[in-house]
Every structure is written in C-alpha cells, then in structure tokens.
Protein backbone atom coordinates (compact mmCIF):
# COMPACT_ATOMS: atom_id res chain seq x y z
CA MET A 1 -166.40 -26.67 -15.80
CA ASP A 2 -167.14 -29.13 -18.12
CA PHE A 3 -165.92 -32.90 -17.50
CA ALA A 4 -167.58 -34.44 -20.36
CA LEU A 5 -165.80 -36.38 -22.79
CA ASN A 6 -164.93 -35.30 -26.31
CA SER A 7 -165.43 -37.35 -29.07
CA GLU A 8 -162.35 -38.76 -29.76
CA GLN A 9 -162.39 -39.59 -25.69
CA ARG A 10 -165.70 -41.60 -25.92
CA GLU A 11 -164.42 -43.57 -28.89
CA TRP A 12 -161.59 -44.71 -26.73
CA VAL A 13 -163.91 -45.70 -23.79
CA GLU A 14 -166.30 -47.67 -25.97
CA LYS A 15 -163.30 -49.73 -27.29
CA ALA A 16 -162.35 -50.45 -23.99
CA ARG A 17 -166.00 -51.41 -22.97
CA ALA A 18 -166.19 -53.69 -25.92
CA LEU A 19 -162.96 -55.39 -24.26
CA LYS A 20 -165.47 -56.90 -21.56
CA PRO A 21 -166.01 -60.38 -22.80
CA LEU A 22 -162.28 -60.83 -23.35
CA LEU A 23 -161.42 -59.64 -19.84
CA ALA A 24 -164.46 -61.07 -18.21
CA ALA A 25 -163.36 -65.05 -19.81
CA ASN A 26 -160.08 -64.24 -18.45
CA ALA A 27 -159.82 -62.81 -15.41
CA ASP A 28 -159.80 -65.49 -13.03
CA ARG A 29 -157.19 -67.17 -14.96
CA TYR A 30 -154.38 -64.19 -14.66
CA ASP A 31 -155.74 -63.97 -10.94
CA ALA A 32 -155.09 -67.75 -10.20
CA GLU A 33 -151.53 -68.47 -12.10
CA ALA A 34 -150.26 -64.84 -11.17
CA ALA A 35 -149.62 -64.40 -15.08
CA PHE A 36 -149.50 -61.39 -17.01
CA PRO A 37 -152.85 -60.88 -18.74
CA THR A 38 -150.60 -61.38 -22.42
CA ASP A 39 -154.06 -62.37 -24.30
CA ASN A 40 -155.69 -59.33 -22.93
CA PHE A 41 -152.76 -57.06 -24.10
CA ALA A 42 -152.49 -59.03 -27.66
CA GLU A 43 -155.99 -57.70 -28.66
CA MET A 44 -155.32 -54.16 -26.94
CA LYS A 45 -152.29 -54.23 -28.94
CA LYS A 46 -153.96 -54.57 -31.86
CA GLN A 47 -156.50 -51.84 -31.06
CA LYS A 48 -153.25 -49.66 -30.27
CA PHE A 49 -154.07 -48.95 -26.72
CA HIS A 50 -150.47 -48.84 -25.97
CA HIS A 51 -150.21 -46.20 -28.21
CA LEU A 52 -152.62 -43.98 -26.47
CA MET A 53 -149.90 -42.06 -24.38
CA VAL A 54 -147.62 -41.42 -27.14
CA PRO A 55 -147.77 -37.83 -28.34
CA LYS A 56 -149.26 -37.97 -32.31
CA GLU A 57 -146.42 -36.04 -33.45
CA TYR A 58 -144.13 -39.32 -32.72
CA GLY A 59 -146.35 -41.50 -34.51
CA GLY A 60 -148.84 -42.29 -31.60
CA LEU A 61 -152.54 -41.54 -30.53
CA ASN A 62 -152.32 -39.38 -27.54
CA PRO A 63 -155.25 -36.26 -27.56
CA GLN A 64 -153.00 -34.64 -25.12
CA PRO A 65 -149.69 -32.30 -25.79
CA LYS A 66 -146.18 -33.02 -24.79
CA GLY A 67 -147.18 -36.27 -23.35
CA SER A 68 -149.38 -35.39 -20.51
CA LEU A 69 -151.76 -37.87 -19.10
CA GLY A 70 -155.05 -36.56 -19.69
CA MET A 71 -158.50 -37.91 -19.50
CA ALA A 72 -158.40 -40.48 -22.30
CA GLN A 73 -156.28 -42.59 -20.29
CA PHE A 74 -157.84 -42.28 -16.81
CA ALA A 75 -161.14 -42.85 -18.50
CA VAL A 76 -159.94 -46.14 -20.31
CA ALA A 77 -158.21 -46.99 -17.21
CA GLU A 78 -161.25 -46.90 -15.45
CA GLU A 79 -163.39 -48.50 -17.86
CA LEU A 80 -160.77 -52.02 -18.09
CA ALA A 81 -160.71 -51.89 -13.92
CA ARG A 82 -164.66 -52.25 -13.96
CA ILE A 83 -163.54 -56.11 -15.45
CA CYS A 84 -159.90 -56.48 -14.78
CA PRO A 85 -158.21 -54.28 -12.30
CA THR A 86 -154.81 -56.14 -12.97
CA THR A 87 -154.81 -55.27 -16.51
CA SER A 88 -156.02 -51.63 -15.84
CA TRP A 89 -153.28 -51.50 -13.59
CA ASP A 90 -150.43 -52.49 -16.17
CA LEU A 91 -151.68 -50.34 -18.59
CA LEU A 92 -151.41 -47.41 -16.17
CA ILE A 93 -147.98 -48.57 -15.43
CA HIS A 94 -146.96 -48.42 -19.21
CA PHE A 95 -149.05 -45.09 -19.76
CA HIS A 96 -146.70 -43.51 -16.83
CA GLN A 97 -143.29 -45.09 -18.31
CA VAL A 98 -144.17 -43.56 -21.56
CA GLY A 99 -144.99 -40.14 -20.31
CA LEU A 100 -141.43 -39.74 -18.70
CA VAL A 101 -140.12 -40.65 -22.02
CA CYS A 102 -142.19 -37.52 -23.73
CA ARG A 103 -141.53 -35.32 -20.93
CA MET A 104 -137.66 -35.90 -20.06
CA GLY A 105 -136.48 -37.74 -23.24
CA SER A 106 -134.10 -35.61 -25.32
CA GLU A 107 -135.27 -35.77 -28.98
CA GLU A 108 -133.21 -38.38 -29.95
CA GLN A 109 -134.27 -40.39 -26.88
CA LYS A 110 -138.01 -39.81 -28.22
CA GLU A 111 -137.43 -40.66 -31.67
CA ARG A 112 -135.92 -44.04 -30.59
CA PHE A 113 -137.76 -45.46 -27.55
CA LEU A 114 -141.61 -43.97 -28.38
CA GLY A 115 -140.61 -45.27 -31.92
CA GLN A 116 -140.15 -48.86 -30.64
CA ILE A 117 -143.42 -48.36 -29.00
CA VAL A 118 -145.11 -47.32 -32.24
CA LYS A 119 -143.41 -49.87 -34.71
CA GLU A 120 -142.57 -52.54 -32.38
CA ASP A 121 -145.50 -52.86 -29.98
CA ALA A 122 -142.72 -52.62 -26.84
CA LEU A 123 -144.36 -52.03 -24.00
CA MET A 124 -142.45 -49.96 -21.05
CA GLY A 125 -142.35 -51.24 -17.13
CA SER A 126 -140.71 -49.42 -14.12
CA LEU A 127 -137.58 -50.12 -11.94
CA GLY A 128 -138.41 -47.72 -9.13
CA SER A 129 -139.14 -49.10 -5.49
CA GLU A 130 -136.63 -50.42 -3.34
CA VAL A 131 -138.53 -51.63 -0.32
CA ASN A 132 -138.00 -54.90 -0.03
CA PRO A 133 -141.30 -56.92 0.98
CA ARG A 134 -139.73 -59.87 2.88
CA GLN A 135 -137.46 -57.15 4.78
CA ILE A 136 -139.57 -56.43 8.30
CA LYS A 137 -136.74 -54.22 9.75
CA ALA A 138 -136.19 -50.67 8.16
CA GLU A 139 -133.17 -49.79 7.33
CA ASN A 140 -133.29 -46.45 5.69
CA VAL A 141 -136.03 -43.89 7.30
CA VAL A 142 -134.34 -40.69 5.90
CA THR A 143 -136.64 -40.10 3.27
CA LYS A 144 -140.01 -42.10 2.49
CA LEU A 145 -138.47 -42.66 -1.48
CA THR A 146 -134.96 -43.93 -1.40
CA PHE A 147 -133.34 -44.79 -4.24
CA ASP A 148 -129.96 -46.11 -3.53
CA SER A 149 -128.93 -48.42 -6.20
CA LEU A 150 -124.91 -48.41 -6.80
CA PHE A 151 -125.36 -46.11 -9.75
CA GLU A 152 -121.42 -45.85 -10.85
CA PRO A 153 -119.76 -43.92 -13.40
CA VAL A 154 -117.59 -45.68 -16.33
CA GLU A 155 -116.51 -44.78 -19.74
CA GLY A 156 -119.70 -43.86 -22.02
CA GLY A 157 -122.23 -44.29 -19.10
CA PHE A 158 -122.86 -45.87 -15.70
CA ARG A 159 -122.82 -49.10 -14.35
CA ALA A 160 -125.66 -50.21 -12.32
CA SER A 161 -126.16 -52.69 -9.43
CA GLY A 162 -128.59 -53.62 -6.79
CA GLU A 163 -132.24 -54.77 -6.37
CA LYS A 164 -135.41 -53.22 -7.22
CA HIS A 165 -139.16 -54.40 -5.49
CA PHE A 166 -142.95 -54.02 -7.06
CA CYS A 167 -141.45 -53.48 -10.44
CA SER A 168 -144.85 -53.75 -12.22
CA MET A 169 -144.93 -55.12 -15.67
CA ALA A 170 -141.24 -55.28 -15.47
CA PRO A 171 -140.79 -59.08 -16.43
CA ALA A 172 -143.57 -58.23 -19.29
CA ALA A 173 -142.03 -55.23 -20.98
CA ASP A 174 -139.64 -54.53 -23.22
CA LEU A 175 -137.95 -51.04 -21.54
CA LEU A 176 -137.63 -50.49 -18.27
CA ALA A 177 -137.71 -47.03 -16.42
CA PHE A 178 -134.42 -46.99 -13.79
CA TRP A 179 -134.52 -44.52 -11.20
CA ALA A 180 -131.30 -43.90 -9.12
CA LEU A 181 -129.25 -40.88 -7.45
CA ALA A 182 -126.68 -39.09 -9.78
CA PRO A 183 -123.07 -40.03 -8.23
CA GLY A 184 -122.68 -37.60 -5.98
CA ALA A 185 -126.04 -36.37 -4.99
CA ARG A 186 -127.37 -36.11 -1.72
CA THR A 187 -131.14 -36.22 -2.06
CA ASN A 188 -133.58 -37.04 -4.99
CA GLY A 189 -134.37 -33.38 -5.08
CA GLU A 190 -130.54 -32.88 -6.66
CA GLY A 191 -130.29 -36.20 -8.39
CA LEU A 192 -133.07 -38.44 -9.02
CA THR A 193 -132.27 -39.86 -12.72
CA ILE A 194 -134.07 -41.60 -14.73
CA SER A 195 -132.51 -44.09 -17.55
CA ILE A 196 -134.16 -45.95 -20.30
CA VAL A 197 -132.82 -49.83 -19.60
CA PRO A 198 -134.18 -52.39 -22.06
CA LYS A 199 -135.02 -56.04 -20.46
CA THR A 200 -132.38 -57.71 -22.50
CA SER A 201 -129.72 -56.04 -21.16
CA PRO A 202 -126.62 -58.36 -19.91
CA GLY A 203 -126.85 -58.57 -15.98
CA LEU A 204 -130.55 -57.85 -15.67
CA THR A 205 -132.52 -60.91 -13.95
CA PHE A 206 -136.19 -60.98 -12.46
CA GLU A 207 -137.39 -63.25 -9.51
CA ASP A 208 -140.68 -64.07 -8.86
CA SER A 209 -141.46 -62.60 -5.54
CA TRP A 210 -145.25 -61.43 -6.33
CA SER A 211 -147.11 -64.94 -6.64
CA GLU A 212 -147.61 -64.62 -3.05
CA ALA A 213 -149.65 -61.44 -3.36
CA ILE A 214 -153.37 -61.50 -2.98
CA GLY A 215 -154.19 -58.93 -5.04
CA LEU A 216 -153.34 -57.59 -8.59
CA ARG A 217 -151.36 -60.83 -9.22
CA GLY A 218 -150.92 -60.31 -12.90
CA THR A 219 -149.77 -57.13 -12.63
CA VAL A 220 -146.32 -59.36 -12.12
CA SER A 221 -144.58 -57.04 -10.04
CA TRP A 222 -141.53 -59.10 -9.67
CA THR A 223 -138.11 -58.19 -8.18
CA ALA A 224 -135.50 -57.25 -10.31
CA LYS A 225 -131.56 -57.72 -10.04
CA LEU A 226 -129.02 -55.91 -11.97
CA ASP A 227 -125.44 -57.29 -11.37
CA ASP A 228 -123.02 -54.40 -13.50
CA VAL A 229 -125.93 -53.56 -15.95
CA PHE A 230 -124.47 -50.92 -18.54
CA ILE A 231 -126.34 -48.03 -18.77
CA PRO A 232 -124.68 -45.81 -22.00
CA TRP A 233 -124.83 -41.95 -21.71
CA ALA A 234 -127.78 -41.97 -24.85
CA ASN A 235 -130.34 -43.91 -22.18
CA VAL A 236 -129.83 -41.73 -19.38
CA MET A 237 -132.97 -38.78 -19.65
CA GLY A 238 -132.33 -35.33 -19.08
CA GLU A 239 -130.43 -33.75 -16.13
CA PRO A 240 -129.79 -35.01 -12.51
CA GLY A 241 -132.66 -34.28 -10.42
CA ASP A 242 -135.48 -33.22 -13.36
CA PHE A 243 -137.85 -35.57 -12.44
CA VAL A 244 -138.26 -33.62 -9.15
CA GLN A 245 -137.57 -30.15 -10.74
CA LYS A 246 -138.62 -29.97 -13.99
CA ASP A 247 -141.67 -32.90 -14.47
CA PRO A 248 -144.76 -32.08 -12.40
CA TYR A 249 -146.55 -34.69 -12.47
CA THR A 250 -147.26 -38.10 -10.09
CA TYR A 251 -149.38 -40.68 -10.09
CA GLU A 252 -152.15 -40.39 -7.73
CA CYS A 253 -155.00 -39.73 -10.59
CA SER A 254 -154.06 -43.12 -12.15
CA HIS A 255 -154.69 -44.48 -8.94
CA ALA A 256 -157.65 -42.79 -7.82
CA ALA A 257 -159.23 -43.57 -11.72
CA HIS A 258 -158.24 -47.13 -10.70
CA LEU A 259 -159.83 -47.59 -7.90
CA VAL A 260 -163.28 -45.59 -9.07
CA GLY A 261 -163.35 -48.40 -12.25
CA THR A 262 -162.88 -51.09 -9.51
CA THR A 263 -165.60 -50.35 -7.14
CA GLN A 264 -167.58 -49.48 -10.79
CA GLY A 265 -166.92 -53.20 -11.34
CA ILE A 266 -168.37 -54.31 -7.87
CA VAL A 267 -171.60 -51.87 -7.99
CA ASP A 268 -171.83 -53.71 -11.28
CA TYR A 269 -171.98 -57.04 -10.49
CA VAL A 270 -173.89 -55.95 -7.30
CA ILE A 271 -177.15 -54.70 -9.78
CA GLU A 272 -176.43 -57.55 -12.00
CA PHE A 273 -176.86 -60.06 -8.78
CA ILE A 274 -180.08 -58.03 -7.27
CA GLY A 275 -181.85 -58.03 -10.51
CA GLY A 276 -182.33 -61.75 -10.37
CA ARG A 277 -183.36 -61.38 -6.76
CA ASP A 278 -186.32 -59.24 -6.93
CA TYR A 279 -186.68 -59.38 -2.86
CA LEU A 280 -183.47 -58.40 -2.03
CA ALA A 281 -184.66 -54.91 -3.82
CA LYS A 282 -187.39 -54.91 -1.14
CA ASP A 283 -184.89 -54.90 1.45
CA ASP A 284 -184.35 -50.93 2.57
CA VAL A 285 -181.06 -51.96 4.47
CA LEU A 286 -179.82 -53.13 1.27
CA MET A 287 -180.61 -50.50 -1.22
CA TYR A 288 -179.02 -47.82 1.28
CA ALA A 289 -176.05 -49.56 1.39
CA LEU A 290 -176.22 -49.83 -2.59
CA ALA A 291 -177.14 -46.09 -3.07
CA GLU A 292 -174.59 -45.18 -0.79
CA MET A 293 -172.10 -46.92 -3.32
CA ASP A 294 -173.11 -45.26 -5.91
CA CYS A 295 -172.98 -41.89 -4.14
CA GLY A 296 -169.15 -42.64 -3.24
CA ILE A 297 -168.58 -43.40 -6.76
CA GLN A 298 -169.82 -40.20 -8.27
CA ALA A 299 -167.64 -38.40 -5.38
CA ALA A 300 -164.51 -40.07 -6.12
CA ARG A 301 -164.91 -39.67 -9.61
CA SER A 302 -165.57 -35.99 -9.69
CA SER A 303 -163.07 -35.69 -7.26
CA TYR A 304 -160.42 -36.98 -9.34
CA ARG A 305 -161.66 -35.51 -12.63
CA TYR A 306 -161.41 -32.26 -11.07
CA ALA A 307 -157.83 -32.70 -10.27
CA VAL A 308 -157.57 -33.87 -13.93
CA TRP A 309 -158.92 -30.25 -15.20
CA LEU A 310 -155.96 -28.60 -12.46
CA TRP A 311 -153.31 -30.53 -14.52
CA ASP A 312 -154.31 -29.78 -17.58
CA GLU A 313 -154.80 -26.36 -17.02
CA GLY A 314 -151.00 -26.78 -15.63
CA ARG A 315 -152.05 -25.26 -12.07
CA TYR A 316 -149.77 -28.03 -10.58
CA ASP A 317 -149.26 -26.94 -7.13
CA GLU A 318 -153.49 -26.96 -6.64
CA ALA A 319 -153.80 -30.44 -8.72
CA MET A 320 -151.22 -31.85 -6.35
CA LEU A 321 -153.49 -31.37 -3.58
CA ALA A 322 -156.63 -32.10 -5.41
CA SER A 323 -155.06 -35.57 -6.43
CA TYR A 324 -154.43 -36.44 -2.86
CA ARG A 325 -158.20 -35.55 -2.16
CA ALA A 326 -159.43 -37.69 -4.58
CA LEU A 327 -156.97 -40.32 -4.14
CA HIS A 328 -158.20 -40.82 -0.47
CA THR A 329 -161.76 -40.38 -1.38
CA ALA A 330 -161.27 -43.39 -4.06
CA LYS A 331 -159.56 -45.35 -1.57
CA LYS A 332 -162.72 -44.85 1.29
CA VAL A 333 -165.06 -45.50 -1.50
CA ALA A 334 -163.24 -48.67 -3.04
CA ALA A 335 -162.89 -50.20 0.62
CA HIS A 336 -166.43 -49.42 1.86
CA ALA A 337 -167.96 -50.96 -1.52
CA SER A 338 -165.97 -53.99 -1.42
CA GLU A 339 -166.76 -54.55 1.87
CA LYS A 340 -170.97 -54.50 1.85
CA ALA A 341 -171.03 -56.17 -1.39
CA PHE A 342 -170.25 -59.33 0.91
CA GLU A 343 -173.16 -57.77 2.88
CA ILE A 344 -175.33 -57.56 -0.23
CA VAL A 345 -174.44 -60.67 -1.67
CA GLY A 346 -174.61 -62.74 1.12
CA ALA A 347 -172.90 -66.35 1.66
CA ARG A 348 -172.32 -66.69 -1.94
CA SER A 349 -169.79 -64.00 -2.39
CA LEU A 350 -167.36 -66.21 -0.53
CA PHE A 351 -167.09 -68.59 -3.59
CA THR A 352 -164.21 -67.85 -5.81
CA TYR A 353 -166.12 -68.55 -9.05
CA LEU A 354 -168.15 -64.89 -8.20
CA PRO A 355 -165.97 -62.22 -8.43
CA ILE A 356 -166.99 -60.38 -5.32
CA GLU A 357 -163.79 -61.87 -3.64
CA ARG A 358 -161.23 -61.37 -5.99
CA PHE A 359 -162.72 -57.34 -6.44
CA TRP A 360 -162.16 -57.44 -2.89
CA ARG A 361 -158.35 -58.31 -2.88
CA GLU A 362 -157.79 -56.20 -6.31
CA THR A 363 -159.47 -53.13 -4.16
CA LYS A 364 -156.95 -53.82 -0.95
CA ALA A 365 -153.98 -54.49 -2.82
CA SER A 366 -154.42 -50.98 -5.19
CA THR A 367 -155.40 -48.99 -1.57
CA LEU A 368 -152.09 -50.50 -0.03
CA HIS A 369 -150.04 -48.91 -3.08
CA THR A 370 -149.40 -45.63 -1.17
CA ARG A 371 -149.68 -45.48 2.36
CA ASP A 372 -152.51 -42.92 3.28
CA THR A 373 -151.32 -41.48 6.32
CA GLN A 374 -148.29 -39.78 4.40
CA LEU A 375 -150.40 -38.44 1.79
CA MET A 376 -152.85 -36.97 4.29
CA GLY A 377 -150.39 -35.75 6.03
CA GLN A 378 -148.48 -33.85 2.96
CA LEU A 379 -152.21 -32.98 2.27
CA ALA A 380 -152.99 -31.16 5.52
CA GLN A 381 -149.44 -29.22 5.07
CA GLY A 382 -150.86 -27.84 2.14
CA VAL A 383 -153.91 -26.47 3.49
CA LEU A 384 -152.37 -25.09 6.12
CA ALA A 385 -150.36 -23.55 3.60
CA GLY A 386 -152.80 -21.74 1.64
CA GLY A 387 -153.74 -24.56 -0.63
CA ARG A 388 -150.81 -25.14 -2.57
CA GLN A 389 -148.10 -27.18 -2.44
CA PHE A 390 -144.39 -28.17 -4.75
CA PRO A 391 -146.29 -31.21 -6.84
CA LYS A 392 -143.07 -33.61 -6.12
CA THR A 393 -142.92 -32.99 -2.30
CA LYS A 394 -143.45 -36.59 -1.94
CA TYR A 395 -140.29 -37.23 -3.90
CA GLY A 396 -137.75 -34.26 -3.14
CA GLU A 397 -137.30 -30.44 -2.18
CA ARG A 398 -137.62 -27.53 -4.49
CA LEU A 399 -134.14 -26.16 -5.71
CA GLU A 400 -133.82 -22.82 -6.50
CA LYS A 401 -131.06 -23.59 -8.74
CA PRO A 402 -131.41 -27.03 -9.79
CA LYS A 403 -128.19 -29.27 -10.51
CA THR A 404 -126.48 -30.27 -13.83
CA TRP A 405 -124.53 -32.92 -14.84
CA ALA A 406 -121.41 -30.67 -14.79
CA ASP A 407 -122.31 -29.97 -11.34
CA PHE A 408 -121.27 -33.13 -10.37
CA GLY A 409 -118.24 -33.12 -12.90
CA PHE A 410 -119.97 -35.04 -15.59
CA MET A 411 -120.36 -34.14 -19.21
CA PRO A 412 -122.98 -36.21 -21.04
CA GLU A 413 -122.13 -38.06 -24.16
CA ARG A 414 -125.53 -37.81 -25.97
CA ALA A 415 -126.29 -37.72 -29.53
C-alpha cells in the first residue's frame, strides 16, 4: 500500500498550509467569541475549498468519484487542524453533508443543491442529533442514535417539528441535512430519512446553546427548533433507510484525521517552544515524552490512512472496523499529547496567550464526540465475527429487503 499523496492532493495540502497565518491570527478570537470563523471561510471560499467535496461532473473539484471522501479531504482537514481545529471541524461537517447529497440525491437534487455550492458558495450543515446537552435523565435508550422529530405527511411532502442539538455549522450554513424517521417506520434501518432544509425555511430557528461549551466553540453547534417546517418531496433524498442500507460511509475517519492534525499542532508548538530553550532538549524525560508523542502521530496517521484505503477499495465491512481502530488510536494519542504538552511547556502553558490550553480544550471536545466504549464494543463484536461488520451497525440493522416509500403507503412527488 502506498499512502503517498498524489500531485493534486499535495496541491490542496499546500493551499491549506498557506492559510496558517490567517488561521493563527484568528484562532483565539473565534474561540473567545464562540463564533463561526467567518474570515477563515471567506478566504477558503475564494480558493474553492468548499468545492473539494463536489464531484467534478457537477462543477466541483473532488478528485474522488461518486462524492466519496478520500485522502484529499482528510489531508486538508488534518493540515487545517494543526492551527485551528475548529475551522477543520467545520469544513469536515460541510464535506459530509455534501457527500450525502452526492451519494443519496437524485440527479435533479444533485444538480440543484451542488449547483448552489458551486455557483452561490453555499455551505452545508447538519440537523441530526436529538441528544439534549441540558437533559440529565435519558428518556429513550432503546437505541444509541434516535431520530424522533415529528415528520408528518402533508400534501406535497412533510412537515417537521422538534428540536435538534449539537447542530454543527447549522447557523452558518445555507443548506441543512435533516434526519428523521419516515412515518410508519419502527427502526433506523427501515426508515432513517435525510432531507435537505434551506436555512431560510419558515419555522426554522436557532438558539445559541453552545457558547458554554469549552472546546470547538467556533463550530456554532447550536440548537435548532423546527415548528411545522415544510419539506417538499423534492428535498427528500432517496428511499427510507437508504442512509443505513445503501450508503456505506460513516464519520470515524474524519474524526481521526481531525485529531491527528490537532495532535500535530500540539507537537509543532512544543518543538517551537523547545527550540528557544536549549536546556529543555537536554532533559531526557521531556525528550522521551516528545518522542512518544511523535510515535503516536505516526501510528494514528497510518491507521486512519489505512482505513481510508479500505474505503476506497470498496471493502466496506473491513473499512468500518479499521475506522474504529483508527479513531480509538487517534483519541488516545491526542489525549496523551495534550496532557504531556503541559508538562513540557511547564507553568507558562496555563496562560491563554499560549495555544496549549486551547488545543487541550479542542482535543477534549473532539474526543468526546463519540463514546469510545460503544465503538470499541462494536469493534470487539466485529473481531469475534471474523474481522467484518456491517458498516452502518451504529445506525441500524442490515435488511435483506430494504423498505421503499411505497411500503409505507407513499408515492413520492419528485422531478
């Protein structure tokens, strides 16, 4: 296996690296304000980073076919995370929602929504999670991922009501991927449906529930409230359950790449710090810690790139387990590096004018996105099953015969 980046991928990484002065100048401000990194994205839009997920046949710049995330996107996210993990996270959120349109949308939907990205510089966000951070007692623990927002059939489509939380990018995005169960469906495998909701839709409002978070504050992961938001059939993608049954991709490699980049950013600063203090380079204990951090980055980076290679090869069952391993490794490496950086830098690391404590908070927020015990439990089950697992196990079950809208009594009205 050759994980070397090709010329096109290297060009994107160099473009991301050239953004370092801008991202470094803005990182503390957007963190302090818990604000979307508007200036960073304004420059990235000029350079078409938001087109990187759109297939070339739709006017985009994605080197991968069929709207797949490949090394170009992950390498760019890793590079951005070295300076501003929040900007990297936001771009990955956009990439994933664009990928949903590429793989699940009809030809008309792809022309329309991808056209808005290419021609109107639209960004995409997500309306997915229904886990309320202020809710202490769990009310629904039947499945780990629930999508219970009211999705009521009306003439011409559906009306959606409910609340979504942890909606990364949503207040700053133009198009939002809304997740809900099709009416009549009992499980995610049967009926998890993704529709595209424009931010300007009547009845859609946002509430800042994120400023109290300690990390990834510029992801503006606010709460979204939907009050009878009309979703026409033209904006409903695919058949119910398609995300579970037909779209193999998940998000673990993105999180791993993000953590690898963040860890590299920590090490970059530690190296810079030691460079101005020769006496630290003579401390064998500190040098051992630095070398250990560096070893961890190689392990985590190699692991997630191996998983990406498996996805590209279409070996989806293996790729899912490899992605779990990569994310677990990246979490451990990032947590270790963010803690050791305090020891190496010493008391100065306590001050907010140095990036150590910000990287520590960003790392903590990133590692907590998915509960590691759940992923490791699924990994163990896959290992026991011979090293393969249905890639969407986290979301729902594999069905021998996937459901259609007709099975639930609907006749979609689409172009």
